[in-house]
């Protein structure tokens, strides 16, 4: 009994289960975030073998098409394995939104994208919600109502920045709340969702085809759990892949 896994960074995805019949050919499409290499790993059951079959070079922030070929040799129990990036691989280049440590949102688009590339990563909660330059312009007049440093707020055990006019607290279960004044509060994941949704609405105006999936690069240690990632994707209507990169 054997399983094949694709492994990159902390991710491990089953690409061929043990109940398959040989010979077996399959094409598997994987979004690999910022990875540049994917290891194909063979694991036997019961666990007697963990063998690296192949290490493949991949393109970050694309959907890579892996062609997996399994067969028995000379009708024996010897397993012959071939894994490659399929020659007909579809390199679906998705839009990428990058949160930088200095509070910028940078758009990495395809060649057809004609809009602006950089935006301030600020959100104002004064009356109507504003994002970007409009939010940053509110900071001098209403500093407590403007939130920024979103990736830092998503980092476990972060230390509050003394320059923040807004305040942060933790609930009994350790979750972060952002407090803007006495009657307004939210959580970092909501701020993240507001920012990427606003940017997506702008970017879609300058793309030739609808955007179905977006990679979101976050600074090192910033984290979005799967539940929140799925919730943001469902609310916005686009699949977001959140990856900590540097």
C-alpha atoms as a PDB file:
ATOM      1  CA  UNK A   1       0.000   0.000   0.000  1.00  0.00           C
ATOM      2  CA  UNK A   2       1.406   3.380  -0.943  1.00  0.00           C
ATOM      3  CA  UNK A   3       0.412   7.045  -1.098  1.00  0.00           C
ATOM      4  CA  UNK A   4       1.958   9.882  -3.058  1.00  0.00           C
ATOM      5  CA  UNK A   5       2.097  13.377  -1.611  1.00  0.00           C
ATOM      6  CA  UNK A   6       3.108  16.758  -3.001  1.00  0.00           C
ATOM      7  CA  UNK A   7       5.012  18.676  -0.313  1.00  0.00           C
ATOM      8  CA  UNK A   8       6.046  22.337  -0.262  1.00  0.00           C
ATOM      9  CA  UNK A   9       6.782  24.397   2.845  1.00  0.00           C
ATOM     10  CA  UNK A  10       4.311  23.326   5.540  1.00  0.00           C
ATOM     11  CA  UNK A  11       1.814  22.054   2.945  1.00  0.00           C
ATOM     12  CA  UNK A  12       1.294  18.357   2.183  1.00  0.00           C
ATOM     13  CA  UNK A  13      -1.338  17.285  -0.336  1.00  0.00           C
ATOM     14  CA  UNK A  14      -2.313  13.715  -1.227  1.00  0.00           C
ATOM     15  CA  UNK A  15      -2.120  13.360  -5.023  1.00  0.00           C
ATOM     16  CA  UNK A  16      -2.496   9.574  -5.456  1.00  0.00           C
ATOM     17  CA  UNK A  17      -4.145   7.346  -2.799  1.00  0.00           C
ATOM     18  CA  UNK A  18      -3.257   3.739  -2.087  1.00  0.00           C
ATOM     19  CA  UNK A  19      -6.465   2.233  -3.494  1.00  0.00           C
ATOM     20  CA  UNK A  20      -5.664   3.142  -7.125  1.00  0.00           C
ATOM     21  CA  UNK A  21      -5.328   0.485  -9.796  1.00  0.00           C
ATOM     22  CA  UNK A  22      -2.172   0.287 -11.902  1.00  0.00           C
ATOM     23  CA  UNK A  23      -1.276   1.504 -14.423  1.00  0.00           C
ATOM     24  CA  UNK A  24      -2.354   4.950 -13.276  1.00  0.00           C
ATOM     25  CA  UNK A  25      -1.997   8.368 -14.937  1.00  0.00           C
ATOM     26  CA  UNK A  26      -3.286  11.519 -13.342  1.00  0.00           C
ATOM     27  CA  UNK A  27      -2.999  15.281 -13.761  1.00  0.00           C
ATOM     28  CA  UNK A  28      -3.087  17.212 -10.516  1.00  0.00           C
ATOM     29  CA  UNK A  29      -3.438  20.996 -10.375  1.00  0.00           C
ATOM     30  CA  UNK A  30      -1.926  22.671  -7.318  1.00  0.00           C
ATOM     31  CA  UNK A  31      -1.581  26.302  -6.276  1.00  0.00           C
ATOM     32  CA  UNK A  32       1.792  26.437  -4.524  1.00  0.00           C
ATOM     33  CA  UNK A  33       1.814  29.964  -3.086  1.00  0.00           C
ATOM     34  CA  UNK A  34       5.318  31.396  -3.024  1.00  0.00           C
ATOM     35  CA  UNK A  35       7.081  28.005  -3.304  1.00  0.00           C
ATOM     36  CA  UNK A  36       9.717  27.488  -6.004  1.00  0.00           C
ATOM     37  CA  UNK A  37      10.083  23.732  -5.454  1.00  0.00           C
ATOM     38  CA  UNK A  38       7.657  20.883  -4.807  1.00  0.00           C
ATOM     39  CA  UNK A  39       8.807  17.494  -3.506  1.00  0.00           C
ATOM     40  CA  UNK A  40       6.888  14.398  -4.546  1.00  0.00           C
ATOM     41  CA  UNK A  41       6.995  11.963  -1.624  1.00  0.00           C
ATOM     42  CA  UNK A  42       6.122   8.249  -1.599  1.00  0.00           C
ATOM     43  CA  UNK A  43       4.828   6.885   1.701  1.00  0.00           C
ATOM     44  CA  UNK A  44       4.052   3.222   2.255  1.00  0.00           C
ATOM     45  CA  UNK A  45       1.395   1.779   4.581  1.00  0.00           C
ATOM     46  CA  UNK A  46       2.134   0.429   7.137  1.00  0.00           C
ATOM     47  CA  UNK A  47       4.884   2.980   7.432  1.00  0.00           C
ATOM     48  CA  UNK A  48       8.036   1.337   6.154  1.00  0.00           C
ATOM     49  CA  UNK A  49       9.151   3.869   3.581  1.00  0.00           C
ATOM     50  CA  UNK A  50       9.251   7.621   3.078  1.00  0.00           C
ATOM     51  CA  UNK A  51      10.974   8.170  -0.236  1.00  0.00           C
ATOM     52  CA  UNK A  52      11.453  11.390  -2.157  1.00  0.00           C
ATOM     53  CA  UNK A  53      10.535  10.488  -5.743  1.00  0.00           C
ATOM     54  CA  UNK A  54      11.349  13.803  -7.346  1.00  0.00           C
ATOM     55  CA  UNK A  55      11.877  17.499  -6.648  1.00  0.00           C
ATOM     56  CA  UNK A  56      10.268  19.736  -9.248  1.00  0.00           C
ATOM     57  CA  UNK A  57      10.936  23.408  -9.953  1.00  0.00           C
ATOM     58  CA  UNK A  58       7.690  25.371 -10.062  1.00  0.00           C
ATOM     59  CA  UNK A  59       6.544  28.916 -10.700  1.00  0.00           C
ATOM     60  CA  UNK A  60       5.410  30.770  -7.555  1.00  0.00           C
ATOM     61  CA  UNK A  61       1.823  32.044  -7.480  1.00  0.00           C
ATOM     62  CA  UNK A  62       0.687  29.941 -10.424  1.00  0.00           C
ATOM     63  CA  UNK A  63      -1.418  26.833 -10.712  1.00  0.00           C
ATOM     64  CA  UNK A  64       1.023  24.069 -11.634  1.00  0.00           C
ATOM     65  CA  UNK A  65      -0.141  20.967 -13.481  1.00  0.00           C
ATOM     66  CA  UNK A  66       1.636  17.810 -12.235  1.00  0.00           C
ATOM     67  CA  UNK A  67       1.461  14.669 -14.359  1.00  0.00           C
ATOM     68  CA  UNK A  68       1.833  11.532 -12.241  1.00  0.00           C
ATOM     69  CA  UNK A  69       2.454   8.168 -13.977  1.00  0.00           C
ATOM     70  CA  UNK A  70       2.519   4.930 -11.959  1.00  0.00           C
ATOM     71  CA  UNK A  71       2.998   1.424 -13.312  1.00  0.00           C
ATOM     72  CA  UNK A  72       4.292  -2.007 -12.332  1.00  0.00           C
ATOM     73  CA  UNK A  73       7.451  -3.291 -13.988  1.00  0.00           C
ATOM     74  CA  UNK A  74       7.362  -6.729 -15.679  1.00  0.00           C
ATOM     75  CA  UNK A  75       4.187  -7.662 -13.772  1.00  0.00           C
ATOM     76  CA  UNK A  76       6.154  -7.737 -10.539  1.00  0.00           C
ATOM     77  CA  UNK A  77       5.535  -5.791  -7.377  1.00  0.00           C
ATOM     78  CA  UNK A  78       8.201  -3.280  -8.372  1.00  0.00           C
ATOM     79  CA  UNK A  79       6.683   0.146  -8.816  1.00  0.00           C
ATOM     80  CA  UNK A  80       7.895   2.476 -11.541  1.00  0.00           C
ATOM     81  CA  UNK A  81       7.102   6.119 -10.961  1.00  0.00           C
ATOM     82  CA  UNK A  82       7.235   9.098 -13.255  1.00  0.00           C
ATOM     83  CA  UNK A  83       6.356  12.586 -12.092  1.00  0.00           C
ATOM     84  CA  UNK A  84       6.745  15.772 -14.096  1.00  0.00           C
ATOM     85  CA  UNK A  85       5.217  19.109 -14.803  1.00  0.00           C
ATOM     86  CA  UNK A  86       2.963  18.243 -17.713  1.00  0.00           C
ATOM     87  CA  UNK A  87       4.075  19.605 -21.076  1.00  0.00           C
ATOM     88  CA  UNK A  88       0.573  20.908 -21.529  1.00  0.00           C
ATOM     89  CA  UNK A  89       0.660  22.521 -18.113  1.00  0.00           C
ATOM     90  CA  UNK A  90      -1.718  25.411 -17.800  1.00  0.00           C
ATOM     91  CA  UNK A  91       0.134  28.244 -16.121  1.00  0.00           C
ATOM     92  CA  UNK A  92      -2.808  30.188 -14.809  1.00  0.00           C
ATOM     93  CA  UNK A  93      -1.196  33.376 -13.563  1.00  0.00           C
ATOM     94  CA  UNK A  94      -3.367  34.886 -10.879  1.00  0.00           C
ATOM     95  CA  UNK A  95      -3.399  38.389  -9.533  1.00  0.00           C
ATOM     96  CA  UNK A  96      -1.274  38.782  -6.393  1.00  0.00           C
ATOM     97  CA  UNK A  97      -1.861  41.371  -3.655  1.00  0.00           C
ATOM     98  CA  UNK A  98       1.168  42.010  -1.439  1.00  0.00           C
ATOM     99  CA  UNK A  99       0.991  43.588   2.016  1.00  0.00           C
ATOM    100  CA  UNK A 100       4.385  45.151   2.728  1.00  0.00           C
ATOM    101  CA  UNK A 101       5.821  45.792   6.225  1.00  0.00           C
ATOM    102  CA  UNK A 102       5.671  49.559   5.537  1.00  0.00           C
ATOM    103  CA  UNK A 103       1.879  49.575   5.046  1.00  0.00           C
ATOM    104  CA  UNK A 104       1.593  49.429   1.290  1.00  0.00           C
ATOM    105  CA  UNK A 105      -0.605  47.180  -0.794  1.00  0.00           C
ATOM    106  CA  UNK A 106       1.166  46.249  -4.025  1.00  0.00           C
ATOM    107  CA  UNK A 107      -0.588  44.709  -7.016  1.00  0.00           C
ATOM    108  CA  UNK A 108       1.346  42.150  -9.037  1.00  0.00           C
ATOM    109  CA  UNK A 109      -0.820  41.725 -12.109  1.00  0.00           C
ATOM    110  CA  UNK A 110      -0.632  40.124 -15.495  1.00  0.00           C
ATOM    111  CA  UNK A 111       0.616  42.075 -18.503  1.00  0.00           C
ATOM    112  CA  UNK A 112      -2.955  43.023 -19.354  1.00  0.00           C
ATOM    113  CA  UNK A 113      -3.479  44.825 -16.037  1.00  0.00           C
ATOM    114  CA  UNK A 114      -3.408  48.611 -16.621  1.00  0.00           C
ATOM    115  CA  UNK A 115      -4.340  50.053 -13.221  1.00  0.00           C
ATOM    116  CA  UNK A 116      -2.304  51.478 -10.357  1.00  0.00           C
ATOM    117  CA  UNK A 117       0.211  49.191  -8.667  1.00  0.00           C
ATOM    118  CA  UNK A 118       0.484  50.591  -5.118  1.00  0.00           C
ATOM    119  CA  UNK A 119      -1.993  51.729  -2.482  1.00  0.00           C
ATOM    120  CA  UNK A 120      -1.748  52.726   1.205  1.00  0.00           C
ATOM    121  CA  UNK A 121      -2.919  49.833   3.408  1.00  0.00           C
ATOM    122  CA  UNK A 122      -5.091  51.967   5.687  1.00  0.00           C
ATOM    123  CA  UNK A 123      -8.761  51.631   6.700  1.00  0.00           C
ATOM    124  CA  UNK A 124     -10.859  54.435   8.209  1.00  0.00           C
ATOM    125  CA  UNK A 125     -13.906  53.559  10.319  1.00  0.00           C
ATOM    126  CA  UNK A 126     -15.062  57.162  10.751  1.00  0.00           C
ATOM    127  CA  UNK A 127     -18.672  57.214   9.496  1.00  0.00           C
ATOM    128  CA  UNK A 128     -18.377  55.366   6.169  1.00  0.00           C
ATOM    129  CA  UNK A 129     -15.553  52.840   5.760  1.00  0.00           C
ATOM    130  CA  UNK A 130     -12.736  54.165   3.568  1.00  0.00           C
ATOM    131  CA  UNK A 131      -9.710  52.270   2.268  1.00  0.00           C
ATOM    132  CA  UNK A 132      -6.375  53.402   0.867  1.00  0.00           C
ATOM    133  CA  UNK A 133      -5.350  57.038   0.347  1.00  0.00           C
ATOM    134  CA  UNK A 134      -8.780  58.297   1.423  1.00  0.00           C
ATOM    135  CA  UNK A 135      -8.412  56.446   4.730  1.00  0.00           C
ATOM    136  CA  UNK A 136      -4.876  57.674   5.306  1.00  0.00           C
ATOM    137  CA  UNK A 137      -6.034  61.272   4.725  1.00  0.00           C
ATOM    138  CA  UNK A 138      -8.401  60.850   7.688  1.00  0.00           C
ATOM    139  CA  UNK A 139      -5.610  59.859  10.055  1.00  0.00           C
ATOM    140  CA  UNK A 140      -4.574  63.359  11.097  1.00  0.00           C
ATOM    141  CA  UNK A 141      -8.131  64.420  11.976  1.00  0.00           C
ATOM    142  CA  UNK A 142      -9.392  61.109  13.374  1.00  0.00           C
ATOM    143  CA  UNK A 143      -6.316  59.066  14.336  1.00  0.00           C
ATOM    144  CA  UNK A 144      -8.205  56.658  16.605  1.00  0.00           C
ATOM    145  CA  UNK A 145     -10.523  55.673  13.758  1.00  0.00           C
ATOM    146  CA  UNK A 146      -7.831  54.691  11.248  1.00  0.00           C
ATOM    147  CA  UNK A 147      -6.348  51.174  11.323  1.00  0.00           C
ATOM    148  CA  UNK A 148      -3.108  50.117   9.650  1.00  0.00           C
ATOM    149  CA  UNK A 149      -0.280  47.581  10.257  1.00  0.00           C
ATOM    150  CA  UNK A 150      -2.792  44.851   9.388  1.00  0.00           C
ATOM    151  CA  UNK A 151      -0.151  42.081   8.946  1.00  0.00           C
ATOM    152  CA  UNK A 152       1.319  42.906  12.360  1.00  0.00           C
ATOM    153  CA  UNK A 153      -2.140  42.573  13.877  1.00  0.00           C
ATOM    154  CA  UNK A 154      -2.340  39.101  12.313  1.00  0.00           C
ATOM    155  CA  UNK A 155       0.945  38.005  13.902  1.00  0.00           C
ATOM    156  CA  UNK A 156       0.647  35.817  17.017  1.00  0.00           C
ATOM    157  CA  UNK A 157       1.887  37.487  20.201  1.00  0.00           C
ATOM    158  CA  UNK A 158       2.610  40.810  18.469  1.00  0.00           C
ATOM    159  CA  UNK A 159       3.603  43.820  20.543  1.00  0.00           C
ATOM    160  CA  UNK A 160       1.386  46.898  20.008  1.00  0.00           C
ATOM    161  CA  UNK A 161       3.056  49.780  18.220  1.00  0.00           C
ATOM    162  CA  UNK A 162       3.168  52.803  20.578  1.00  0.00           C
ATOM    163  CA  UNK A 163       2.405  55.014  17.568  1.00  0.00           C
ATOM    164  CA  UNK A 164      -1.026  53.436  17.112  1.00  0.00           C
ATOM    165  CA  UNK A 165      -3.867  55.731  18.146  1.00  0.00           C
ATOM    166  CA  UNK A 166      -6.271  52.784  18.063  1.00  0.00           C
ATOM    167  CA  UNK A 167      -5.998  50.227  20.851  1.00  0.00           C
ATOM    168  CA  UNK A 168      -5.841  46.443  20.886  1.00  0.00           C
ATOM    169  CA  UNK A 169      -7.114  44.035  23.506  1.00  0.00           C
ATOM    170  CA  UNK A 170      -7.460  40.262  23.746  1.00  0.00           C
ATOM    171  CA  UNK A 171     -10.573  38.301  24.592  1.00  0.00           C
ATOM    172  CA  UNK A 172     -10.555  35.501  27.155  1.00  0.00           C
ATOM    173  CA  UNK A 173      -9.721  32.998  24.411  1.00  0.00           C
ATOM    174  CA  UNK A 174      -6.760  35.074  23.215  1.00  0.00           C
ATOM    175  CA  UNK A 175      -8.321  36.596  20.090  1.00  0.00           C
ATOM    176  CA  UNK A 176      -7.333  40.142  19.156  1.00  0.00           C
ATOM    177  CA  UNK A 177      -9.821  42.981  19.075  1.00  0.00           C
ATOM    178  CA  UNK A 178      -9.081  46.403  17.596  1.00  0.00           C
ATOM    179  CA  UNK A 179     -10.782  49.229  19.442  1.00  0.00           C
ATOM    180  CA  UNK A 180     -11.406  52.554  17.688  1.00  0.00           C
ATOM    181  CA  UNK A 181     -12.829  54.910  20.281  1.00  0.00           C
ATOM    182  CA  UNK A 182     -15.438  53.759  22.795  1.00  0.00           C
ATOM    183  CA  UNK A 183     -18.134  52.297  20.563  1.00  0.00           C
ATOM    184  CA  UNK A 184     -16.347  50.840  17.548  1.00  0.00           C
ATOM    185  CA  UNK A 185     -14.309  47.653  17.446  1.00  0.00           C
ATOM    186  CA  UNK A 186     -13.397  44.898  15.014  1.00  0.00           C
ATOM    187  CA  UNK A 187     -10.882  42.089  14.471  1.00  0.00           C
ATOM    188  CA  UNK A 188      -7.772  41.964  12.249  1.00  0.00           C
ATOM    189  CA  UNK A 189      -9.293  39.434   9.838  1.00  0.00           C
ATOM    190  CA  UNK A 190     -12.204  41.795   9.138  1.00  0.00           C
ATOM    191  CA  UNK A 191      -9.727  44.568   8.323  1.00  0.00           C
ATOM    192  CA  UNK A 192      -7.878  42.193   6.019  1.00  0.00           C
ATOM    193  CA  UNK A 193     -11.116  41.264   4.256  1.00  0.00           C
ATOM    194  CA  UNK A 194     -12.127  44.917   3.831  1.00  0.00           C
ATOM    195  CA  UNK A 195      -8.726  45.783   2.355  1.00  0.00           C
ATOM    196  CA  UNK A 196      -8.556  42.933  -0.175  1.00  0.00           C
ATOM    197  CA  UNK A 197     -12.181  43.402  -1.222  1.00  0.00           C
ATOM    198  CA  UNK A 198     -11.691  47.121  -1.856  1.00  0.00           C
ATOM    199  CA  UNK A 199      -8.519  46.471  -3.826  1.00  0.00           C
ATOM    200  CA  UNK A 200     -10.193  43.698  -5.819  1.00  0.00           C
ATOM    201  CA  UNK A 201     -13.083  45.991  -6.807  1.00  0.00           C
ATOM    202  CA  UNK A 202     -10.581  48.538  -8.099  1.00  0.00           C
ATOM    203  CA  UNK A 203      -8.358  46.028  -9.885  1.00  0.00           C
ATOM    204  CA  UNK A 204     -11.248  44.305 -11.680  1.00  0.00           C
ATOM    205  CA  UNK A 205     -11.941  47.535 -13.548  1.00  0.00           C
ATOM    206  CA  UNK A 206      -8.541  47.245 -15.251  1.00  0.00           C
ATOM    207  CA  UNK A 207      -8.511  43.540 -16.103  1.00  0.00           C
ATOM    208  CA  UNK A 208      -9.709  42.021 -19.337  1.00  0.00           C
ATOM    209  CA  UNK A 209     -11.173  38.905 -17.708  1.00  0.00           C
ATOM    210  CA  UNK A 210     -12.892  38.345 -14.343  1.00  0.00           C
ATOM    211  CA  UNK A 211     -10.582  37.476 -11.466  1.00  0.00           C
ATOM    212  CA  UNK A 212     -11.428  34.138  -9.868  1.00  0.00           C
ATOM    213  CA  UNK A 213      -8.433  33.626  -7.576  1.00  0.00           C
ATOM    214  CA  UNK A 214      -5.946  35.914  -5.842  1.00  0.00           C
ATOM    215  CA  UNK A 215      -2.713  35.155  -4.027  1.00  0.00           C
ATOM    216  CA  UNK A 216      -2.163  37.395  -0.987  1.00  0.00           C
ATOM    217  CA  UNK A 217       1.422  37.776   0.222  1.00  0.00           C
ATOM    218  CA  UNK A 218       1.800  38.671   3.890  1.00  0.00           C
ATOM    219  CA  UNK A 219       5.003  39.500   5.773  1.00  0.00           C
ATOM    220  CA  UNK A 220       6.666  36.701   7.707  1.00  0.00           C
ATOM    221  CA  UNK A 221       4.761  35.339  10.728  1.00  0.00           C
ATOM    222  CA  UNK A 222       1.448  36.972   9.777  1.00  0.00           C
ATOM    223  CA  UNK A 223      -1.120  34.184   9.651  1.00  0.00           C
ATOM    224  CA  UNK A 224      -4.689  33.626   8.465  1.00  0.00           C
ATOM    225  CA  UNK A 225      -6.247  30.322   9.446  1.00  0.00           C
ATOM    226  CA  UNK A 226      -8.193  28.207   6.958  1.00  0.00           C
ATOM    227  CA  UNK A 227     -11.576  29.034   8.490  1.00  0.00           C
ATOM    228  CA  UNK A 228     -10.996  32.780   8.154  1.00  0.00           C
ATOM    229  CA  UNK A 229      -9.489  32.390   4.686  1.00  0.00           C
ATOM    230  CA  UNK A 230     -12.586  30.507   3.538  1.00  0.00           C
ATOM    231  CA  UNK A 231     -14.875  33.060   5.179  1.00  0.00           C
ATOM    232  CA  UNK A 232     -13.170  36.000   3.436  1.00  0.00           C
ATOM    233  CA  UNK A 233     -13.222  34.152   0.102  1.00  0.00           C
ATOM    234  CA  UNK A 234     -16.931  33.321   0.468  1.00  0.00           C
ATOM    235  CA  UNK A 235     -17.855  36.865   1.442  1.00  0.00           C
ATOM    236  CA  UNK A 236     -15.940  38.469  -1.417  1.00  0.00           C
ATOM    237  CA  UNK A 237     -16.746  35.809  -4.016  1.00  0.00           C
ATOM    238  CA  UNK A 238     -13.126  35.151  -5.024  1.00  0.00           C
ATOM    239  CA  UNK A 239     -10.744  32.464  -3.792  1.00  0.00           C
ATOM    240  CA  UNK A 240      -7.936  34.013  -1.736  1.00  0.00           C
ATOM    241  CA  UNK A 241      -4.705  32.147  -0.963  1.00  0.00           C
ATOM    242  CA  UNK A 242      -2.977  33.812   1.995  1.00  0.00           C
ATOM    243  CA  UNK A 243       0.750  33.078   2.233  1.00  0.00           C
ATOM    244  CA  UNK A 244       3.428  34.438   4.594  1.00  0.00           C
ATOM    245  CA  UNK A 245       6.493  35.104   2.468  1.00  0.00           C
ATOM    246  CA  UNK A 246       9.299  37.176   3.975  1.00  0.00           C
END
